[in-house]
Amino acid sequence: MISSLSLSTITHATEDPEKVKAALLNLLPKDLRTSITINQTSAKGHHGNPIILLNFEISDPESAKEVFSHILRSLPHTELSQIHDQLNLFYDGKSALFLRIDKQSAYLGSLRLSPSDDVIKLRVNFTRGDPSSISRFISSHLS
């Protein structure tokens, strides 16, 4: 059902890149953190300030499912219920689910959704874009 998963974020000039990498890795189960290679790209921000783009993709379906399950279990119950109850806000209607995880909370080891721009972006790709099967997968983590 899950085919792949990707995570990405921006390290601003005022942030410690190692701390931002740690926040990114905190979204993974501990046993997978050492097997991930984070891609790092230097760029310029909107106002010309230096930024670093960090991202990685997990293309193995079993590992992607394990990571997504870990993230769902780590979210507060109210936020998991929000994703389930308002799936249309997070699902593109085709084959991808998008979540925005608060970067500061992730660094501190607590996963929370965030509407802000300074987030870790999660994209989960599904082989079958059936909203009911995605909803069932999410609801299996609600108990």
C-alpha atoms as a PDB file:
ATOM      1  CA  MET A   1       0.000   0.000   0.000  1.00  0.00           C
ATOM      2  CA  ILE A   2       2.796   2.488   0.905  1.00  0.00           C
ATOM      3  CA  SER A   3       5.351   2.667  -1.889  1.00  0.00           C
ATOM      4  CA  SER A   4       7.769   5.312  -0.597  1.00  0.00           C
ATOM      5  CA  LEU A   5       8.223   8.171   1.814  1.00  0.00           C
ATOM      6  CA  SER A   6      10.260  11.366   1.712  1.00  0.00           C
ATOM      7  CA  LEU A   7      11.225  13.945   4.316  1.00  0.00           C
ATOM      8  CA  SER A   8      12.625  17.411   3.664  1.00  0.00           C
ATOM      9  CA  THR A   9      13.379  20.610   5.522  1.00  0.00           C
ATOM     10  CA  ILE A  10      15.360  23.830   5.320  1.00  0.00           C
ATOM     11  CA  THR A  11      18.227  24.833   7.594  1.00  0.00           C
ATOM     12  CA  HIS A  12      18.226  28.593   7.950  1.00  0.00           C
ATOM     13  CA  ALA A  13      21.431  30.589   8.470  1.00  0.00           C
ATOM     14  CA  THR A  14      20.540  31.082  12.141  1.00  0.00           C
ATOM     15  CA  GLU A  15      20.189  27.323  12.776  1.00  0.00           C
ATOM     16  CA  ASP A  16      22.762  24.662  13.584  1.00  0.00           C
ATOM     17  CA  PRO A  17      22.693  22.194  10.648  1.00  0.00           C
ATOM     18  CA  GLU A  18      23.519  19.266  12.953  1.00  0.00           C
ATOM     19  CA  LYS A  19      20.522  20.047  15.163  1.00  0.00           C
ATOM     20  CA  VAL A  20      18.256  20.248  12.128  1.00  0.00           C
ATOM     21  CA  LYS A  21      19.582  16.874  10.918  1.00  0.00           C
ATOM     22  CA  ALA A  22      18.871  15.479  14.390  1.00  0.00           C
ATOM     23  CA  ALA A  23      15.292  16.788  14.173  1.00  0.00           C
ATOM     24  CA  LEU A  24      14.889  15.090  10.796  1.00  0.00           C
ATOM     25  CA  LEU A  25      16.256  11.788  12.086  1.00  0.00           C
ATOM     26  CA  ASN A  26      13.986  11.948  15.148  1.00  0.00           C
ATOM     27  CA  LEU A  27      11.088  11.124  12.825  1.00  0.00           C
ATOM     28  CA  LEU A  28      12.594   7.685  12.231  1.00  0.00           C
ATOM     29  CA  PRO A  29      12.574   4.618  14.465  1.00  0.00           C
ATOM     30  CA  LYS A  30      15.946   4.401  16.251  1.00  0.00           C
ATOM     31  CA  ASP A  31      17.034   1.273  14.372  1.00  0.00           C
ATOM     32  CA  LEU A  32      16.727   3.036  10.987  1.00  0.00           C
ATOM     33  CA  ARG A  33      18.503   6.299  11.849  1.00  0.00           C
ATOM     34  CA  THR A  34      22.015   5.072  11.033  1.00  0.00           C
ATOM     35  CA  SER A  35      21.007   3.597   7.666  1.00  0.00           C
ATOM     36  CA  ILE A  36      19.749   6.900   6.215  1.00  0.00           C
ATOM     37  CA  THR A  37      21.848   9.232   4.095  1.00  0.00           C
ATOM     38  CA  ILE A  38      20.597  12.800   4.247  1.00  0.00           C
ATOM     39  CA  ASN A  39      21.090  14.776   1.051  1.00  0.00           C
ATOM     40  CA  GLN A  40      22.365  18.284   1.656  1.00  0.00           C
ATOM     41  CA  THR A  41      22.185  21.123  -0.863  1.00  0.00           C
ATOM     42  CA  SER A  42      23.359  24.701  -0.338  1.00  0.00           C
ATOM     43  CA  ALA A  43      21.029  27.353  -1.697  1.00  0.00           C
ATOM     44  CA  LYS A  44      19.920  30.949  -1.260  1.00  0.00           C
ATOM     45  CA  GLY A  45      16.713  31.885   0.524  1.00  0.00           C
ATOM     46  CA  HIS A  46      14.020  34.300  -0.610  1.00  0.00           C
ATOM     47  CA  HIS A  47      16.037  37.304   0.562  1.00  0.00           C
ATOM     48  CA  GLY A  48      19.384  35.950  -0.626  1.00  0.00           C
ATOM     49  CA  ASN A  49      20.347  34.481   2.730  1.00  0.00           C
ATOM     50  CA  PRO A  50      22.218  31.143   2.731  1.00  0.00           C
ATOM     51  CA  ILE A  51      20.128  28.064   3.482  1.00  0.00           C
ATOM     52  CA  ILE A  52      20.759  24.344   3.382  1.00  0.00           C
ATOM     53  CA  LEU A  53      18.133  21.996   1.950  1.00  0.00           C
ATOM     54  CA  LEU A  54      18.030  18.623   3.692  1.00  0.00           C
ATOM     55  CA  ASN A  55      16.086  15.636   2.377  1.00  0.00           C
ATOM     56  CA  PHE A  56      15.983  11.911   1.964  1.00  0.00           C
ATOM     57  CA  GLU A  57      13.681   9.308   0.482  1.00  0.00           C
ATOM     58  CA  ILE A  58      12.877   5.813   1.621  1.00  0.00           C
ATOM     59  CA  SER A  59      11.922   3.825  -1.456  1.00  0.00           C
ATOM     60  CA  ASP A  60      11.680   0.402   0.202  1.00  0.00           C
ATOM     61  CA  PRO A  61       7.925  -0.087   0.851  1.00  0.00           C
ATOM     62  CA  GLU A  62       8.413  -2.038   4.114  1.00  0.00           C
ATOM     63  CA  SER A  63      10.792   0.558   5.562  1.00  0.00           C
ATOM     64  CA  ALA A  64       8.521   3.398   4.410  1.00  0.00           C
ATOM     65  CA  LYS A  65       5.557   1.709   6.118  1.00  0.00           C
ATOM     66  CA  GLU A  66       7.606   1.237   9.300  1.00  0.00           C
ATOM     67  CA  VAL A  67       8.601   4.923   9.343  1.00  0.00           C
ATOM     68  CA  PHE A  68       5.070   6.166   8.640  1.00  0.00           C
ATOM     69  CA  SER A  69       3.670   3.909  11.375  1.00  0.00           C
ATOM     70  CA  HIS A  70       6.304   5.239  13.776  1.00  0.00           C
ATOM     71  CA  ILE A  71       5.347   8.829  12.937  1.00  0.00           C
ATOM     72  CA  LEU A  72       1.637   8.123  13.378  1.00  0.00           C
ATOM     73  CA  ARG A  73       2.243   6.434  16.755  1.00  0.00           C
ATOM     74  CA  SER A  74       4.388   9.408  17.850  1.00  0.00           C
ATOM     75  CA  LEU A  75       1.791  12.081  17.096  1.00  0.00           C
ATOM     76  CA  PRO A  76      -0.625  13.194  19.817  1.00  0.00           C
ATOM     77  CA  HIS A  77      -3.932  11.320  19.623  1.00  0.00           C
ATOM     78  CA  THR A  78      -5.844  14.530  18.826  1.00  0.00           C
ATOM     79  CA  GLU A  79      -3.615  15.255  15.823  1.00  0.00           C
ATOM     80  CA  LEU A  80      -3.841  11.673  14.562  1.00  0.00           C
ATOM     81  CA  SER A  81      -7.633  11.951  14.839  1.00  0.00           C
ATOM     82  CA  GLN A  82      -7.469  15.221  12.896  1.00  0.00           C
ATOM     83  CA  ILE A  83      -5.574  13.539  10.049  1.00  0.00           C
ATOM     84  CA  HIS A  84      -8.091  10.685  10.020  1.00  0.00           C
ATOM     85  CA  ASP A  85     -11.185  12.903  10.245  1.00  0.00           C
ATOM     86  CA  GLN A  86      -9.959  15.531   7.783  1.00  0.00           C
ATOM     87  CA  LEU A  87      -8.024  13.302   5.392  1.00  0.00           C
ATOM     88  CA  ASN A  88      -8.966  15.514   2.436  1.00  0.00           C
ATOM     89  CA  LEU A  89      -6.779  18.300   3.917  1.00  0.00           C
ATOM     90  CA  PHE A  90      -3.697  16.081   3.852  1.00  0.00           C
ATOM     91  CA  TYR A  91      -4.322  13.810   0.854  1.00  0.00           C
ATOM     92  CA  ASP A  92      -3.839  15.031  -2.718  1.00  0.00           C
ATOM     93  CA  GLY A  93      -6.659  12.841  -4.072  1.00  0.00           C
ATOM     94  CA  LYS A  94      -4.280  10.793  -6.200  1.00  0.00           C
ATOM     95  CA  SER A  95      -1.571   8.907  -4.364  1.00  0.00           C
ATOM     96  CA  ALA A  96       0.200  11.104  -1.787  1.00  0.00           C
ATOM     97  CA  LEU A  97      -0.381  12.205   1.796  1.00  0.00           C
ATOM     98  CA  PHE A  98       1.386  15.337   3.063  1.00  0.00           C
ATOM     99  CA  LEU A  99       2.123  16.238   6.681  1.00  0.00           C
ATOM    100  CA  ARG A 100       3.990  19.214   8.121  1.00  0.00           C
ATOM    101  CA  ILE A 101       5.852  18.339  11.320  1.00  0.00           C
ATOM    102  CA  ASP A 102       7.054  21.054  13.691  1.00  0.00           C
ATOM    103  CA  LYS A 103      10.860  21.144  13.394  1.00  0.00           C
ATOM    104  CA  GLN A 104      11.558  22.423  16.936  1.00  0.00           C
ATOM    105  CA  SER A 105       9.317  19.795  18.539  1.00  0.00           C
ATOM    106  CA  ALA A 106      10.942  17.071  16.432  1.00  0.00           C
ATOM    107  CA  TYR A 107      14.374  18.163  17.637  1.00  0.00           C
ATOM    108  CA  LEU A 108      13.130  17.822  21.219  1.00  0.00           C
ATOM    109  CA  GLY A 109      11.814  14.330  20.435  1.00  0.00           C
ATOM    110  CA  SER A 110       8.118  15.158  20.292  1.00  0.00           C
ATOM    111  CA  LEU A 111       6.220  15.042  17.007  1.00  0.00           C
ATOM    112  CA  ARG A 112       3.519  17.640  16.377  1.00  0.00           C
ATOM    113  CA  LEU A 113       1.763  18.903  13.273  1.00  0.00           C
ATOM    114  CA  SER A 114       2.370  22.538  12.376  1.00  0.00           C
ATOM    115  CA  PRO A 115       0.773  25.030   9.980  1.00  0.00           C
ATOM    116  CA  SER A 116       3.933  27.187   9.937  1.00  0.00           C
ATOM    117  CA  ASP A 117       6.569  27.362   7.215  1.00  0.00           C
ATOM    118  CA  ASP A 118       9.483  26.199   9.390  1.00  0.00           C
ATOM    119  CA  VAL A 119       8.622  22.508   9.289  1.00  0.00           C
ATOM    120  CA  ILE A 120       9.763  19.089   8.238  1.00  0.00           C
ATOM    121  CA  LYS A 121       7.704  18.118   5.218  1.00  0.00           C
ATOM    122  CA  LEU A 122       6.602  14.507   4.987  1.00  0.00           C
ATOM    123  CA  ARG A 123       5.277  12.987   1.776  1.00  0.00           C
ATOM    124  CA  VAL A 124       3.929   9.439   1.841  1.00  0.00           C
ATOM    125  CA  ASN A 125       3.306   7.847  -1.560  1.00  0.00           C
ATOM    126  CA  PHE A 126       0.732   5.087  -1.896  1.00  0.00           C
ATOM    127  CA  THR A 127       0.487   2.417  -4.585  1.00  0.00           C
ATOM    128  CA  ARG A 128      -3.302   2.578  -4.369  1.00  0.00           C
ATOM    129  CA  GLY A 129      -4.657   6.053  -3.879  1.00  0.00           C
ATOM    130  CA  ASP A 130      -7.877   4.796  -2.316  1.00  0.00           C
ATOM    131  CA  PRO A 131      -8.845   7.191   0.497  1.00  0.00           C
ATOM    132  CA  SER A 132     -10.729   4.478   2.394  1.00  0.00           C
ATOM    133  CA  SER A 133      -7.655   2.217   2.613  1.00  0.00           C
ATOM    134  CA  ILE A 134      -5.508   5.168   3.710  1.00  0.00           C
ATOM    135  CA  SER A 135      -8.127   6.064   6.307  1.00  0.00           C
ATOM    136  CA  ARG A 136      -8.158   2.448   7.576  1.00  0.00           C
ATOM    137  CA  PHE A 137      -4.356   2.464   7.857  1.00  0.00           C
ATOM    138  CA  ILE A 138      -4.430   5.670   9.893  1.00  0.00           C
ATOM    139  CA  SER A 139      -7.313   4.481  12.082  1.00  0.00           C
ATOM    140  CA  SER A 140      -5.352   1.309  12.895  1.00  0.00           C
ATOM    141  CA  HIS A 141      -2.965   3.604  14.825  1.00  0.00           C
ATOM    142  CA  LEU A 142      -5.730   5.364  16.760  1.00  0.00           C
ATOM    143  CA  SER A 143      -6.230   2.636  19.357  1.00  0.00           C
END
